[in-house]
Amino acid sequence: MRIEGVDVLRIHFLISADVLAVLRDRRLSRGAVLCNVRRRCVEMLVPPGTAATWPALPYTVCVADAVMCCPSPEVTSVSGRGADGRVWTAPPAAAVTTTDADALAEAVATVLVRRAAPWLDESPPTI
């Protein structure tokens, strides 16, 4: 299956579960989510033009005019099937939907701040 005409946001496995949890907790709709084991990331479809404005957030990269070679929508984490290290955790619908890029950027930023908080709140060592 090929998906064209969208940008793709790749979120590294180190933070992807937390980012998806933030989206879920905020009850924000999201489009398709592909787990790509070889790249150690999840890939999310975002509107065209997102890559041009995507902020430089750690553990993310946004690819413009991407062509995603991916398994058919039936190859999901629930089906137990996989294809070349790729499996849909949220397969695309008949009409491919994208996730709001601003909501994704806010979710990534939230996760990064939460992870940095223990170090930000720490008092400097006394000498």
Protein backbone atom coordinates (compact mmCIF):
# COMPACT_ATOMS: atom_id res chain seq x y z
CA MET A 1 0.00 0.00 0.00
CA ARG A 2 1.24 3.49 -0.83
CA ILE A 3 0.04 6.68 0.80
CA GLU A 4 0.92 9.89 -1.01
CA GLY A 5 0.14 13.59 -0.73
CA VAL A 6 0.76 14.00 2.99
CA ASP A 7 3.68 14.79 5.25
CA VAL A 8 4.81 12.17 7.76
CA LEU A 9 5.85 12.88 11.32
CA ARG A 10 8.23 10.34 12.82
CA ILE A 11 8.32 10.16 16.61
CA HIS A 12 11.06 8.07 18.20
CA PHE A 13 10.06 5.12 20.36
CA LEU A 14 11.61 6.84 23.40
CA ILE A 15 8.65 9.24 23.59
CA SER A 16 6.03 7.94 21.15
CA ALA A 17 3.92 6.03 23.70
CA ASP A 18 3.76 9.10 25.93
CA VAL A 19 2.86 11.38 23.02
CA LEU A 20 0.03 9.06 21.97
CA ALA A 21 -1.16 8.94 25.60
CA VAL A 22 -1.28 12.76 25.76
CA LEU A 23 -3.39 12.85 22.59
CA ARG A 24 -5.69 10.18 24.04
CA ASP A 25 -5.96 11.95 27.42
CA ARG A 26 -6.88 15.19 25.68
CA ARG A 27 -9.45 13.31 23.59
CA LEU A 28 -7.92 14.59 20.37
CA SER A 29 -8.70 12.72 17.20
CA ARG A 30 -5.76 11.32 15.35
CA GLY A 31 -5.22 9.77 12.00
CA ALA A 32 -3.37 6.62 11.12
CA VAL A 33 -0.40 5.52 13.24
CA LEU A 34 2.22 3.15 11.84
CA CYS A 35 4.74 1.44 14.09
CA ASN A 36 8.02 1.21 12.16
CA VAL A 37 10.38 -1.10 14.06
CA ARG A 38 13.28 -0.64 11.66
CA ARG A 39 13.28 3.14 12.15
CA ARG A 40 12.46 2.77 15.88
CA CYS A 41 9.55 5.17 15.60
CA VAL A 42 5.88 5.62 15.00
CA GLU A 43 4.86 7.44 11.85
CA MET A 44 1.82 9.68 11.77
CA LEU A 45 0.20 11.28 8.77
CA VAL A 46 0.02 15.07 9.02
CA PRO A 47 -1.33 17.67 6.58
CA PRO A 48 0.79 18.69 3.59
CA GLY A 49 3.05 21.63 4.44
CA THR A 50 3.61 20.56 8.05
CA ALA A 51 7.28 19.74 7.46
CA ALA A 52 8.00 23.34 6.45
CA THR A 53 6.76 24.66 9.80
CA TRP A 54 7.49 21.76 12.14
CA PRO A 55 9.50 23.02 15.16
CA ALA A 56 12.87 21.49 15.96
CA LEU A 57 11.61 19.16 18.68
CA PRO A 58 13.92 16.39 19.92
CA TYR A 59 13.03 12.82 18.92
CA THR A 60 10.91 13.98 15.97
CA VAL A 61 11.38 14.57 12.28
CA CYS A 62 8.77 15.63 9.78
CA VAL A 63 9.17 14.53 6.16
CA ALA A 64 7.60 16.60 3.38
CA ASP A 65 5.71 15.07 0.47
CA ALA A 66 6.31 11.61 1.83
CA VAL A 67 5.42 8.43 0.04
CA MET A 68 4.71 5.84 2.69
CA CYS A 69 5.17 2.25 1.67
CA CYS A 70 3.19 0.47 4.31
CA PRO A 71 1.24 -2.68 4.93
CA SER A 72 -2.44 -2.98 4.11
CA PRO A 73 -4.81 -1.62 6.77
CA GLU A 74 -5.55 -5.18 7.93
CA VAL A 75 -1.96 -5.59 9.18
CA THR A 76 -2.43 -4.30 12.71
CA SER A 77 -1.04 -4.87 16.17
CA VAL A 78 -4.34 -6.61 16.96
CA SER A 79 -4.18 -8.94 13.95
CA GLY A 80 -0.77 -10.19 15.02
CA ARG A 81 0.51 -9.83 11.48
CA GLY A 82 3.42 -7.67 10.44
CA ALA A 83 5.06 -6.63 7.21
CA ASP A 84 8.77 -5.88 7.05
CA GLY A 85 8.86 -4.52 10.60
CA ARG A 86 5.81 -2.31 10.09
CA VAL A 87 2.39 -2.65 11.65
CA TRP A 88 -0.55 -0.29 12.06
CA THR A 89 -1.49 0.55 15.63
CA ALA A 90 -4.27 2.72 14.18
CA PRO A 91 -4.89 1.80 10.52
CA PRO A 92 -5.99 4.36 7.95
CA ALA A 93 -9.67 4.65 7.18
CA ALA A 94 -11.03 4.45 3.64
CA ALA A 95 -10.29 8.16 3.32
CA VAL A 96 -6.84 8.79 4.77
CA THR A 97 -7.08 11.14 7.71
CA THR A 98 -4.28 13.18 9.18
CA THR A 99 -3.53 14.26 12.73
CA ASP A 100 -3.56 17.96 13.58
CA ALA A 101 0.07 19.10 13.51
CA ASP A 102 -0.40 21.77 16.19
CA ALA A 103 -1.93 19.23 18.57
CA LEU A 104 0.98 16.88 17.88
CA ALA A 105 3.57 19.60 18.51
CA GLU A 106 1.87 20.46 21.81
CA ALA A 107 1.76 16.79 22.82
CA VAL A 108 5.46 16.30 22.03
CA ALA A 109 6.37 19.49 23.94
CA THR A 110 4.28 18.34 26.91
CA VAL A 111 6.09 15.00 27.02
CA LEU A 112 9.52 16.65 26.75
CA VAL A 113 8.72 19.09 29.58
CA ARG A 114 7.40 16.28 31.79
CA ARG A 115 10.56 14.29 31.22
CA ALA A 116 12.81 17.28 31.91
CA ALA A 117 10.88 18.41 35.02
CA PRO A 118 12.92 16.38 37.53
CA TRP A 119 16.08 18.12 36.37
CA LEU A 120 14.50 21.55 36.08
CA ASP A 121 13.21 21.44 39.66
CA GLU A 122 16.47 20.20 41.08
CA SER A 123 18.48 22.62 43.20
CA PRO A 124 22.10 23.12 42.16
CA PRO A 125 24.56 21.12 44.21
CA THR A 126 26.24 22.89 47.11
CA ILE A 127 29.99 23.06 47.15
